[in-house]
Amino acid sequence: MKEISITSKFSVYDTIPDLPLDIQNLMEQAVDVRKKAYAPYSNFRVGTALLLDNGEIVLGSNQENAAYPSGLCAERVAIFYAGAIYPEAKILKMAITAASDTNTTKSPIPPCGACRQSIAEYETRQDVPIEIYFMGELGAIYKSDSLKNLLPFMFDKNFL
């Protein structure tokens, strides 16, 4: 038997004003769209803002449905919208924020597994890493230089 070790590295920013200016703007837009989420069942609102290589910013918020799992996470709403409207554009940066209607989220909230897989599809397709910034409602923001940092054994088209 042999063992392997995998290390993930994140940059940590204490607050939104500590972020680079372009990311401050992106995260503020994610916060604004988070407030528009349709989350009557979970009471957990997520907002995502994407910066594309064409300069466009695409937003998404989670959209729930009484018939689970018919709803969609904010990250996938934004990614799929970007893919539909700007199919040739590359996603450069992603800002994600999550908040609960019942308690304050102070820890960074990363993308769920399904969203990680969707991000992996786009990162692999475009062959350019996507910087991912994520936070709760308040507190620290984590930055990952690539989805591979969050999903080191990602499944992609190369296995097919």
C-alpha atoms as a PDB file:
ATOM      1  CA  MET A   1       0.000   0.000   0.000  1.00  0.00           C
ATOM      2  CA  LYS A   2       1.025   3.557  -0.633  1.00  0.00           C
ATOM      3  CA  GLU A   3      -0.489   6.803   0.588  1.00  0.00           C
ATOM      4  CA  ILE A   4      -0.961  10.079  -1.177  1.00  0.00           C
ATOM      5  CA  SER A   5      -1.522  13.440   0.414  1.00  0.00           C
ATOM      6  CA  ILE A   6      -3.568  16.214  -1.132  1.00  0.00           C
ATOM      7  CA  THR A   7      -3.313  19.772   0.121  1.00  0.00           C
ATOM      8  CA  SER A   8      -5.730  22.593  -0.555  1.00  0.00           C
ATOM      9  CA  LYS A   9      -4.601  26.181  -0.271  1.00  0.00           C
ATOM     10  CA  PHE A  10      -6.919  29.157   0.262  1.00  0.00           C
ATOM     11  CA  SER A  11      -6.350  32.870   0.659  1.00  0.00           C
ATOM     12  CA  VAL A  12      -8.426  34.371   3.470  1.00  0.00           C
ATOM     13  CA  TYR A  13      -9.762  37.927   3.521  1.00  0.00           C
ATOM     14  CA  ASP A  14     -11.293  39.196   6.768  1.00  0.00           C
ATOM     15  CA  THR A  15     -14.035  41.335   5.226  1.00  0.00           C
ATOM     16  CA  ILE A  16     -15.322  42.508   1.845  1.00  0.00           C
ATOM     17  CA  PRO A  17     -13.335  45.804   2.005  1.00  0.00           C
ATOM     18  CA  ASP A  18     -10.136  43.716   2.270  1.00  0.00           C
ATOM     19  CA  LEU A  19     -10.775  42.133  -1.152  1.00  0.00           C
ATOM     20  CA  PRO A  20      -9.280  43.520  -4.379  1.00  0.00           C
ATOM     21  CA  LEU A  21     -11.591  46.233  -5.777  1.00  0.00           C
ATOM     22  CA  ASP A  22     -12.927  44.146  -8.657  1.00  0.00           C
ATOM     23  CA  ILE A  23     -13.800  41.327  -6.262  1.00  0.00           C
ATOM     24  CA  GLN A  24     -15.413  43.744  -3.796  1.00  0.00           C
ATOM     25  CA  ASN A  25     -17.764  44.781  -6.603  1.00  0.00           C
ATOM     26  CA  LEU A  26     -18.411  41.174  -7.582  1.00  0.00           C
ATOM     27  CA  MET A  27     -19.134  40.118  -3.987  1.00  0.00           C
ATOM     28  CA  GLU A  28     -21.412  43.121  -3.411  1.00  0.00           C
ATOM     29  CA  GLN A  29     -23.425  42.105  -6.479  1.00  0.00           C
ATOM     30  CA  ALA A  30     -23.579  38.539  -5.133  1.00  0.00           C
ATOM     31  CA  VAL A  31     -24.905  39.912  -1.818  1.00  0.00           C
ATOM     32  CA  ASP A  32     -27.562  41.973  -3.642  1.00  0.00           C
ATOM     33  CA  VAL A  33     -28.765  39.054  -5.768  1.00  0.00           C
ATOM     34  CA  ARG A  34     -28.718  36.750  -2.713  1.00  0.00           C
ATOM     35  CA  LYS A  35     -31.462  38.917  -1.232  1.00  0.00           C
ATOM     36  CA  LYS A  36     -33.614  38.106  -4.295  1.00  0.00           C
ATOM     37  CA  ALA A  37     -33.319  34.330  -3.879  1.00  0.00           C
ATOM     38  CA  TYR A  38     -36.519  32.295  -3.862  1.00  0.00           C
ATOM     39  CA  ALA A  39     -35.980  30.155  -0.762  1.00  0.00           C
ATOM     40  CA  PRO A  40     -39.350  29.614   0.979  1.00  0.00           C
ATOM     41  CA  TYR A  41     -38.502  26.035   2.015  1.00  0.00           C
ATOM     42  CA  SER A  42     -34.908  26.133   3.234  1.00  0.00           C
ATOM     43  CA  ASN A  43     -34.854  29.812   4.213  1.00  0.00           C
ATOM     44  CA  PHE A  44     -31.244  29.676   3.037  1.00  0.00           C
ATOM     45  CA  ARG A  45     -30.392  32.288   0.411  1.00  0.00           C
ATOM     46  CA  VAL A  46     -27.385  32.109  -1.893  1.00  0.00           C
ATOM     47  CA  GLY A  47     -26.151  34.662  -4.404  1.00  0.00           C
ATOM     48  CA  THR A  48     -23.491  34.261  -7.061  1.00  0.00           C
ATOM     49  CA  ALA A  49     -21.785  36.751  -9.364  1.00  0.00           C
ATOM     50  CA  LEU A  50     -19.531  35.670 -12.234  1.00  0.00           C
ATOM     51  CA  LEU A  51     -16.978  37.812 -14.048  1.00  0.00           C
ATOM     52  CA  LEU A  52     -16.566  36.702 -17.653  1.00  0.00           C
ATOM     53  CA  ASP A  53     -13.570  37.377 -19.888  1.00  0.00           C
ATOM     54  CA  ASN A  54     -15.754  39.652 -22.057  1.00  0.00           C
ATOM     55  CA  GLY A  55     -16.256  41.959 -19.051  1.00  0.00           C
ATOM     56  CA  GLU A  56     -19.855  40.891 -18.437  1.00  0.00           C
ATOM     57  CA  ILE A  57     -21.058  40.084 -14.926  1.00  0.00           C
ATOM     58  CA  VAL A  58     -23.683  37.355 -14.665  1.00  0.00           C
ATOM     59  CA  LEU A  59     -25.759  36.891 -11.510  1.00  0.00           C
ATOM     60  CA  GLY A  60     -27.676  33.996 -10.036  1.00  0.00           C
ATOM     61  CA  SER A  61     -29.642  33.236  -6.876  1.00  0.00           C
ATOM     62  CA  ASN A  62     -31.012  29.942  -5.640  1.00  0.00           C
ATOM     63  CA  GLN A  63     -34.509  29.099  -6.862  1.00  0.00           C
ATOM     64  CA  GLU A  64     -36.367  26.488  -4.823  1.00  0.00           C
ATOM     65  CA  ASN A  65     -39.378  24.363  -5.669  1.00  0.00           C
ATOM     66  CA  ALA A  66     -41.810  22.383  -3.511  1.00  0.00           C
ATOM     67  CA  ALA A  67     -41.014  19.358  -5.680  1.00  0.00           C
ATOM     68  CA  TYR A  68     -37.443  18.726  -4.536  1.00  0.00           C
ATOM     69  CA  PRO A  69     -34.977  18.499  -6.296  1.00  0.00           C
ATOM     70  CA  SER A  70     -36.538  20.680  -8.986  1.00  0.00           C
ATOM     71  CA  GLY A  71     -34.924  23.833  -7.639  1.00  0.00           C
ATOM     72  CA  LEU A  72     -31.495  25.093  -8.615  1.00  0.00           C
ATOM     73  CA  CYS A  73     -28.546  26.504  -6.679  1.00  0.00           C
ATOM     74  CA  ALA A  74     -27.316  30.052  -7.287  1.00  0.00           C
ATOM     75  CA  GLU A  75     -24.002  28.895  -8.717  1.00  0.00           C
ATOM     76  CA  ARG A  76     -25.651  26.729 -11.369  1.00  0.00           C
ATOM     77  CA  VAL A  77     -28.237  29.420 -12.203  1.00  0.00           C
ATOM     78  CA  ALA A  78     -25.376  31.848 -12.945  1.00  0.00           C
ATOM     79  CA  ILE A  79     -23.152  29.321 -14.734  1.00  0.00           C
ATOM     80  CA  PHE A  80     -25.913  27.978 -16.964  1.00  0.00           C
ATOM     81  CA  TYR A  81     -27.129  31.491 -17.777  1.00  0.00           C
ATOM     82  CA  ALA A  82     -23.580  32.514 -18.726  1.00  0.00           C
ATOM     83  CA  GLY A  83     -23.252  29.395 -20.878  1.00  0.00           C
ATOM     84  CA  ALA A  84     -26.566  30.096 -22.615  1.00  0.00           C
ATOM     85  CA  ILE A  85     -26.096  33.812 -23.265  1.00  0.00           C
ATOM     86  CA  TYR A  86     -22.294  33.997 -23.672  1.00  0.00           C
ATOM     87  CA  PRO A  87     -21.316  30.498 -24.874  1.00  0.00           C
ATOM     88  CA  GLU A  88     -17.829  31.532 -25.999  1.00  0.00           C
ATOM     89  CA  ALA A  89     -16.967  33.539 -22.876  1.00  0.00           C
ATOM     90  CA  LYS A  90     -14.766  32.165 -20.138  1.00  0.00           C
ATOM     91  CA  ILE A  91     -15.661  32.435 -16.469  1.00  0.00           C
ATOM     92  CA  LEU A  92     -12.728  34.106 -14.738  1.00  0.00           C
ATOM     93  CA  LYS A  93     -14.007  34.780 -11.226  1.00  0.00           C
ATOM     94  CA  MET A  94     -16.929  33.671  -9.106  1.00  0.00           C
ATOM     95  CA  ALA A  95     -18.210  35.280  -5.897  1.00  0.00           C
ATOM     96  CA  ILE A  96     -20.600  33.316  -3.681  1.00  0.00           C
ATOM     97  CA  THR A  97     -22.386  34.398  -0.506  1.00  0.00           C
ATOM     98  CA  ALA A  98     -24.931  32.536   1.604  1.00  0.00           C
ATOM     99  CA  ALA A  99     -27.227  33.612   4.419  1.00  0.00           C
ATOM    100  CA  SER A 100     -29.895  31.953   6.504  1.00  0.00           C
ATOM    101  CA  ASP A 101     -33.182  33.637   7.365  1.00  0.00           C
ATOM    102  CA  THR A 102     -33.053  31.988  10.806  1.00  0.00           C
ATOM    103  CA  ASN A 103     -29.458  32.486  11.992  1.00  0.00           C
ATOM    104  CA  THR A 104     -26.383  34.478  10.973  1.00  0.00           C
ATOM    105  CA  THR A 105     -23.889  32.589   8.808  1.00  0.00           C
ATOM    106  CA  LYS A 106     -20.403  33.694   9.821  1.00  0.00           C
ATOM    107  CA  SER A 107     -18.381  30.899   8.199  1.00  0.00           C
ATOM    108  CA  PRO A 108     -17.536  30.785   4.502  1.00  0.00           C
ATOM    109  CA  ILE A 109     -20.077  28.597   2.659  1.00  0.00           C
ATOM    110  CA  PRO A 110     -18.524  26.698  -0.284  1.00  0.00           C
ATOM    111  CA  PRO A 111     -20.440  25.397  -3.324  1.00  0.00           C
ATOM    112  CA  CYS A 112     -22.326  22.113  -2.840  1.00  0.00           C
ATOM    113  CA  GLY A 113     -21.210  18.942  -4.606  1.00  0.00           C
ATOM    114  CA  ALA A 114     -23.557  19.345  -7.582  1.00  0.00           C
ATOM    115  CA  CYS A 115     -22.348  22.909  -8.101  1.00  0.00           C
ATOM    116  CA  ARG A 116     -18.716  21.847  -7.813  1.00  0.00           C
ATOM    117  CA  GLN A 117     -19.308  19.312 -10.579  1.00  0.00           C
ATOM    118  CA  SER A 118     -20.966  21.978 -12.761  1.00  0.00           C
ATOM    119  CA  ILE A 119     -18.111  24.403 -12.146  1.00  0.00           C
ATOM    120  CA  ALA A 120     -15.686  21.585 -13.011  1.00  0.00           C
ATOM    121  CA  GLU A 121     -17.400  21.108 -16.374  1.00  0.00           C
ATOM    122  CA  TYR A 122     -16.927  24.769 -17.310  1.00  0.00           C
ATOM    123  CA  GLU A 123     -13.395  25.022 -15.926  1.00  0.00           C
ATOM    124  CA  THR A 124     -12.372  21.924 -17.900  1.00  0.00           C
ATOM    125  CA  ARG A 125     -14.133  23.098 -21.058  1.00  0.00           C
ATOM    126  CA  GLN A 126     -12.541  26.527 -21.033  1.00  0.00           C
ATOM    127  CA  ASP A 127      -9.127  25.231 -19.882  1.00  0.00           C
ATOM    128  CA  VAL A 128      -8.751  28.295 -17.650  1.00  0.00           C
ATOM    129  CA  PRO A 129      -9.023  28.134 -13.845  1.00  0.00           C
ATOM    130  CA  ILE A 130     -11.941  29.890 -12.186  1.00  0.00           C
ATOM    131  CA  GLU A 131     -11.088  31.909  -9.078  1.00  0.00           C
ATOM    132  CA  ILE A 132     -13.771  31.182  -6.487  1.00  0.00           C
ATOM    133  CA  TYR A 133     -14.453  33.532  -3.570  1.00  0.00           C
ATOM    134  CA  PHE A 134     -16.992  32.387  -0.986  1.00  0.00           C
ATOM    135  CA  MET A 135     -18.382  33.668   2.274  1.00  0.00           C
ATOM    136  CA  GLY A 136     -21.333  33.433   4.620  1.00  0.00           C
ATOM    137  CA  GLU A 137     -23.421  36.465   5.422  1.00  0.00           C
ATOM    138  CA  LEU A 138     -20.633  38.035   7.479  1.00  0.00           C
ATOM    139  CA  GLY A 139     -17.010  37.375   8.222  1.00  0.00           C
ATOM    140  CA  ALA A 140     -14.131  35.907   6.316  1.00  0.00           C
ATOM    141  CA  ILE A 141     -14.021  35.299   2.583  1.00  0.00           C
ATOM    142  CA  TYR A 142     -12.066  32.327   1.258  1.00  0.00           C
ATOM    143  CA  LYS A 143     -10.460  32.387  -2.166  1.00  0.00           C
ATOM    144  CA  SER A 144      -9.630  29.273  -4.143  1.00  0.00           C
ATOM    145  CA  ASP A 145      -7.493  29.721  -7.264  1.00  0.00           C
ATOM    146  CA  SER A 146      -9.328  26.917  -9.049  1.00  0.00           C
ATOM    147  CA  LEU A 147     -12.168  24.462  -8.630  1.00  0.00           C
ATOM    148  CA  LYS A 148      -9.489  21.735  -8.530  1.00  0.00           C
ATOM    149  CA  ASN A 149      -8.602  23.060  -5.080  1.00  0.00           C
ATOM    150  CA  LEU A 150     -12.170  22.338  -3.866  1.00  0.00           C
ATOM    151  CA  LEU A 151     -12.594  19.117  -5.828  1.00  0.00           C
ATOM    152  CA  PRO A 152      -9.151  17.558  -6.313  1.00  0.00           C
ATOM    153  CA  PHE A 153     -10.447  14.281  -7.790  1.00  0.00           C
ATOM    154  CA  MET A 154     -12.915  15.876 -10.148  1.00  0.00           C
ATOM    155  CA  PHE A 155     -14.671  13.844 -12.787  1.00  0.00           C
ATOM    156  CA  ASP A 156     -14.526  15.379 -16.243  1.00  0.00           C
ATOM    157  CA  LYS A 157     -14.735  14.551 -19.949  1.00  0.00           C
ATOM    158  CA  ASN A 158     -11.219  13.119 -19.923  1.00  0.00           C
ATOM    159  CA  PHE A 159     -12.560   9.987 -18.185  1.00  0.00           C
ATOM    160  CA  LEU A 160     -15.171   9.312 -20.860  1.00  0.00           C
END
